[in-house]
Protein backbone atom coordinates (compact mmCIF):
# COMPACT_ATOMS: atom_id res chain seq x y z
CA UNK A 1 70.08 -84.65 158.86
CA UNK A 2 69.32 -83.13 162.17
CA UNK A 3 70.36 -79.81 163.21
CA UNK A 4 72.83 -81.68 165.94
CA UNK A 5 74.68 -83.14 163.08
CA UNK A 6 74.95 -80.32 160.77
CA UNK A 7 78.11 -78.86 160.08
CA UNK A 8 78.31 -75.19 160.95
CA UNK A 9 82.00 -74.37 159.84
CA UNK A 10 85.46 -75.57 159.45
CA UNK A 11 88.99 -74.45 160.44
CA UNK A 12 92.14 -75.54 158.40
CA UNK A 13 95.62 -75.55 159.34
CA UNK A 14 98.97 -77.36 158.07
CA UNK A 15 98.65 -81.05 159.57
CA UNK A 16 99.27 -81.31 163.16
CA UNK A 17 98.96 -84.32 165.49
CA UNK A 18 95.21 -84.67 166.11
CA UNK A 19 93.97 -86.38 169.31
CA UNK A 20 90.50 -87.22 168.07
CA UNK A 21 91.99 -89.21 164.89
CA UNK A 22 93.10 -92.37 165.57
CA UNK A 23 94.40 -93.47 162.24
CA UNK A 24 96.40 -90.71 160.10
CA UNK A 25 96.54 -90.60 156.59
CA UNK A 26 100.34 -90.95 155.88
CA UNK A 27 101.41 -87.93 153.69
CA UNK A 28 103.17 -90.25 151.04
CA UNK A 29 101.02 -88.97 147.64
CA UNK A 30 102.60 -86.06 146.40
CA UNK A 31 99.34 -85.48 144.62
CA UNK A 32 97.44 -84.71 147.98
CA UNK A 33 98.47 -82.75 150.98
CA UNK A 34 97.19 -83.97 154.64
CA UNK A 35 95.73 -81.07 156.27
CA UNK A 36 93.60 -80.85 159.67
CA UNK A 37 90.13 -79.62 159.79
CA UNK A 38 88.05 -78.92 163.00
CA UNK A 39 84.30 -79.46 162.46
CA UNK A 40 81.57 -77.60 164.66
CA UNK A 41 78.05 -78.22 164.95
CA UNK A 42 75.04 -76.51 166.03
CA UNK A 43 72.88 -77.32 169.12
CA UNK A 44 69.80 -79.92 168.68
CA UNK A 45 66.19 -79.44 169.71
CA UNK A 46 67.08 -80.45 173.05
CA UNK A 47 70.23 -77.85 173.63
CA UNK A 48 72.90 -80.60 173.25
CA UNK A 49 75.67 -79.87 170.97
CA UNK A 50 78.02 -82.49 169.35
CA UNK A 51 81.43 -82.47 170.38
CA UNK A 52 83.86 -80.54 167.53
CA UNK A 53 85.36 -83.35 165.36
CA UNK A 54 88.90 -82.90 164.31
CA UNK A 55 90.24 -84.84 161.30
CA UNK A 56 93.37 -85.10 159.04
CA UNK A 57 92.07 -85.05 155.24
CA UNK A 58 93.85 -85.39 152.12
CA UNK A 59 93.68 -82.19 149.92
CA UNK A 60 94.75 -82.25 146.33
CA UNK A 61 98.37 -80.68 146.23
CA UNK A 62 99.69 -78.30 143.08
CA UNK A 63 100.89 -81.65 141.47
CA UNK A 64 97.42 -83.34 142.05
CA UNK A 65 95.51 -80.64 140.67
CA UNK A 66 97.79 -80.89 137.53
CA UNK A 67 97.27 -84.32 137.64
CA UNK A 68 93.41 -83.70 137.61
CA UNK A 69 93.72 -81.09 134.63
CA UNK A 70 95.76 -83.47 132.69
CA UNK A 71 93.41 -86.47 132.93
CA UNK A 72 90.32 -84.77 132.59
CA UNK A 73 86.74 -87.07 133.01
CA UNK A 74 85.04 -86.82 135.96
CA UNK A 75 87.39 -85.61 138.58
CA UNK A 76 88.08 -82.47 136.34
CA UNK A 77 84.31 -82.23 136.15
CA UNK A 78 84.22 -82.07 140.18
CA UNK A 79 87.04 -79.68 140.12
CA UNK A 80 85.51 -77.20 137.85
CA UNK A 81 82.19 -77.24 139.89
CA UNK A 82 84.19 -76.44 142.96
CA UNK A 83 85.71 -73.68 140.97
CA UNK A 84 81.67 -72.39 140.17
CA UNK A 85 80.95 -72.34 143.78
CA UNK A 86 83.38 -70.15 144.48
CA UNK A 87 82.14 -68.04 142.34
CA UNK A 88 78.40 -68.43 142.88
CA UNK A 89 79.09 -68.15 146.55
CA UNK A 90 80.72 -64.62 145.93
CA UNK A 91 77.62 -63.57 143.86
CA UNK A 92 75.14 -64.70 146.43
CA UNK A 93 77.27 -62.94 149.34
CA UNK A 94 77.18 -59.28 147.59
CA UNK A 95 73.48 -59.98 147.00
CA UNK A 96 72.60 -60.76 150.49
CA UNK A 97 74.78 -57.89 151.99
CA UNK A 98 72.86 -55.51 149.43
CA UNK A 99 69.22 -55.77 149.20
CA UNK A 100 69.05 -52.96 146.15
CA UNK A 101 71.45 -54.72 144.26
CA UNK A 102 70.08 -55.72 140.71
CA UNK A 103 71.32 -57.11 137.27
CA UNK A 104 71.90 -53.49 136.44
CA UNK A 105 74.18 -52.30 139.28
CA UNK A 106 75.81 -55.99 140.02
CA UNK A 107 79.66 -55.47 140.39
CA UNK A 108 80.41 -58.65 138.29
CA UNK A 109 84.15 -57.54 138.69
CA UNK A 110 83.90 -58.62 142.34
CA UNK A 111 83.08 -62.24 141.22
CA UNK A 112 86.24 -62.75 139.11
CA UNK A 113 88.57 -65.40 140.59
CA UNK A 114 91.62 -63.12 140.80
CA UNK A 115 89.50 -60.70 142.83
CA UNK A 116 88.19 -63.41 145.10
CA UNK A 117 91.81 -64.83 145.64
CA UNK A 118 92.84 -61.60 146.94
CA UNK A 119 90.20 -60.69 149.24
CA UNK A 120 90.93 -60.68 152.93
CA UNK A 121 90.72 -63.94 154.92
CA UNK A 122 88.20 -62.84 156.97
CA UNK A 123 85.72 -61.83 153.90
CA UNK A 124 86.40 -65.29 151.89
CA UNK A 125 85.53 -67.26 155.38
CA UNK A 126 82.57 -65.33 155.94
CA UNK A 127 81.11 -65.96 152.44
CA UNK A 128 81.33 -69.84 153.16
CA UNK A 129 78.73 -69.00 156.26
CA UNK A 130 75.32 -70.38 155.42
CA UNK A 131 72.38 -67.75 155.73
CA UNK A 132 70.64 -69.79 157.91
CA UNK A 133 73.84 -69.85 160.25
CA UNK A 134 73.69 -66.17 160.15
CA UNK A 135 69.78 -66.16 160.72
CA UNK A 136 70.39 -67.99 163.98
CA UNK A 137 73.03 -66.24 165.32
CA UNK A 138 71.13 -62.91 164.71
CA UNK A 139 68.25 -64.68 166.74
CA UNK A 140 70.33 -65.77 169.70
CA UNK A 141 72.09 -62.53 170.08
CA UNK A 142 68.66 -60.62 170.43
CA UNK A 143 67.55 -63.06 172.92
CA UNK A 144 71.28 -62.95 174.89
CA UNK A 145 72.05 -59.71 174.66
CA UNK A 146 69.16 -57.52 176.89
CA UNK A 147 69.97 -59.05 180.11
CA UNK A 148 73.96 -59.25 179.32
CA UNK A 149 73.87 -55.37 178.84
CA UNK A 150 70.80 -53.86 180.07
CA UNK A 151 70.08 -52.54 176.56
CA UNK A 152 66.72 -52.47 175.19
CA UNK A 153 65.40 -54.98 172.69
CA UNK A 154 65.24 -52.44 169.84
CA UNK A 155 69.29 -51.70 170.35
CA UNK A 156 70.02 -55.18 170.34
CA UNK A 157 68.08 -55.94 167.60
CA UNK A 158 69.51 -53.13 165.45
CA UNK A 159 73.20 -54.21 166.57
CA UNK A 160 72.02 -57.90 165.55
CA UNK A 161 71.17 -56.46 162.02
CA UNK A 162 74.42 -54.48 161.62
CA UNK A 163 76.30 -57.73 162.59
CA UNK A 164 74.21 -59.98 160.34
CA UNK A 165 74.94 -57.54 157.68
CA UNK A 166 78.83 -57.62 157.96
CA UNK A 167 79.09 -54.06 159.18
CA UNK A 168 77.83 -53.15 155.37
CA UNK A 169 75.71 -50.42 156.21
CA UNK A 170 78.35 -48.66 159.05
CA UNK A 171 81.75 -49.91 157.16
CA UNK A 172 83.17 -46.23 157.55
CA UNK A 173 81.97 -45.47 160.84
CA UNK A 174 84.58 -46.49 163.08
CA UNK A 175 83.09 -45.56 166.51
CA UNK A 176 79.98 -47.53 165.68
CA UNK A 177 82.28 -50.76 164.71
CA UNK A 178 84.14 -50.33 167.74
CA UNK A 179 81.10 -50.55 170.07
CA UNK A 180 79.55 -53.50 167.76
CA UNK A 181 83.04 -55.10 168.59
CA UNK A 182 82.68 -54.78 172.26
CA UNK A 183 79.16 -55.80 172.01
CA UNK A 184 80.12 -59.08 170.52
CA UNK A 185 82.69 -60.00 172.66
CA UNK A 186 80.43 -59.70 175.56
CA UNK A 187 77.92 -62.01 173.53
CA UNK A 188 80.71 -64.43 172.90
CA UNK A 189 81.55 -64.54 176.58
CA UNK A 190 77.98 -64.76 177.64
CA UNK A 191 75.70 -66.84 175.51
CA UNK A 192 75.90 -70.67 176.04
CA UNK A 193 75.51 -70.88 172.46
CA UNK A 194 78.52 -68.68 171.18
CA UNK A 195 80.55 -71.95 170.49
CA UNK A 196 77.91 -72.89 167.65
CA UNK A 197 78.51 -69.84 166.15
CA UNK A 198 82.25 -69.73 166.32
CA UNK A 199 82.44 -68.85 162.59
CA UNK A 200 80.28 -66.09 162.52
CA UNK A 201 81.95 -64.78 165.66
CA UNK A 202 85.61 -65.14 164.36
CA UNK A 203 84.40 -63.34 160.91
CA UNK A 204 82.74 -60.37 162.50
CA UNK A 205 85.91 -59.92 164.88
CA UNK A 206 88.60 -60.07 162.14
CA UNK A 207 86.21 -57.97 159.79
CA UNK A 208 85.96 -55.34 162.30
CA UNK A 209 89.58 -55.36 162.75
CA UNK A 210 90.00 -54.78 159.31
CA UNK A 211 87.67 -51.93 158.90
CA UNK A 212 89.07 -50.46 161.94
CA UNK A 213 92.69 -50.57 160.32
CA UNK A 214 91.63 -48.91 157.10
CA UNK A 215 93.07 -45.84 156.56
CA UNK A 216 91.31 -45.07 153.39
CA UNK A 217 94.31 -46.16 151.21
CA UNK A 218 92.11 -48.97 149.50
CA UNK A 219 89.53 -46.85 148.57
CA UNK A 220 91.88 -44.11 146.95
CA UNK A 221 93.77 -46.57 145.12
CA UNK A 222 90.22 -47.47 143.12
CA UNK A 223 89.49 -43.88 142.54
């Protein structure tokens, strides 16, 4: 699969009329819910970007999940594998965010199903963005921002590192987060590749809002 045809992220909403899909799967089966997904793609080696594709797809409903549990077999194996992917993706995200994390200090409690379920939506979506996508976003940011802002290469490189680190190093420094959010908006409106990194930008923007709105209540509750 070439880079141009790699999926870089999806958005999902309740089913709405989709102009890009001629045949719609009717929602007549109570074991599935039909939802709309938008697939975006990265640029290829020639700089061409495949247009986003919107599809309506059947997703197991609550009744469908119960039926899978009752029937067992390979459908249940697939469901269990999907649950396992959620856990391992969370673990990988935690490890990527903190290079000093080891077996000794790994927060296993943050990989519990209920913990992940109650994470902010921005966090859950960010966990699903591949490391390669973040790396490509960071590289593009460094290439675009010196000319867009007049800042030095060193300054934009530092900003890129903090953004790709998902604000981990500055999560309690609101002035820095505010500045990074402003710079991200400039990048989003300047880079011809911004659409390819829509998921990264959306995650970072929402994460910044979450950190800026945090008044310490969450930390206090955990003490």
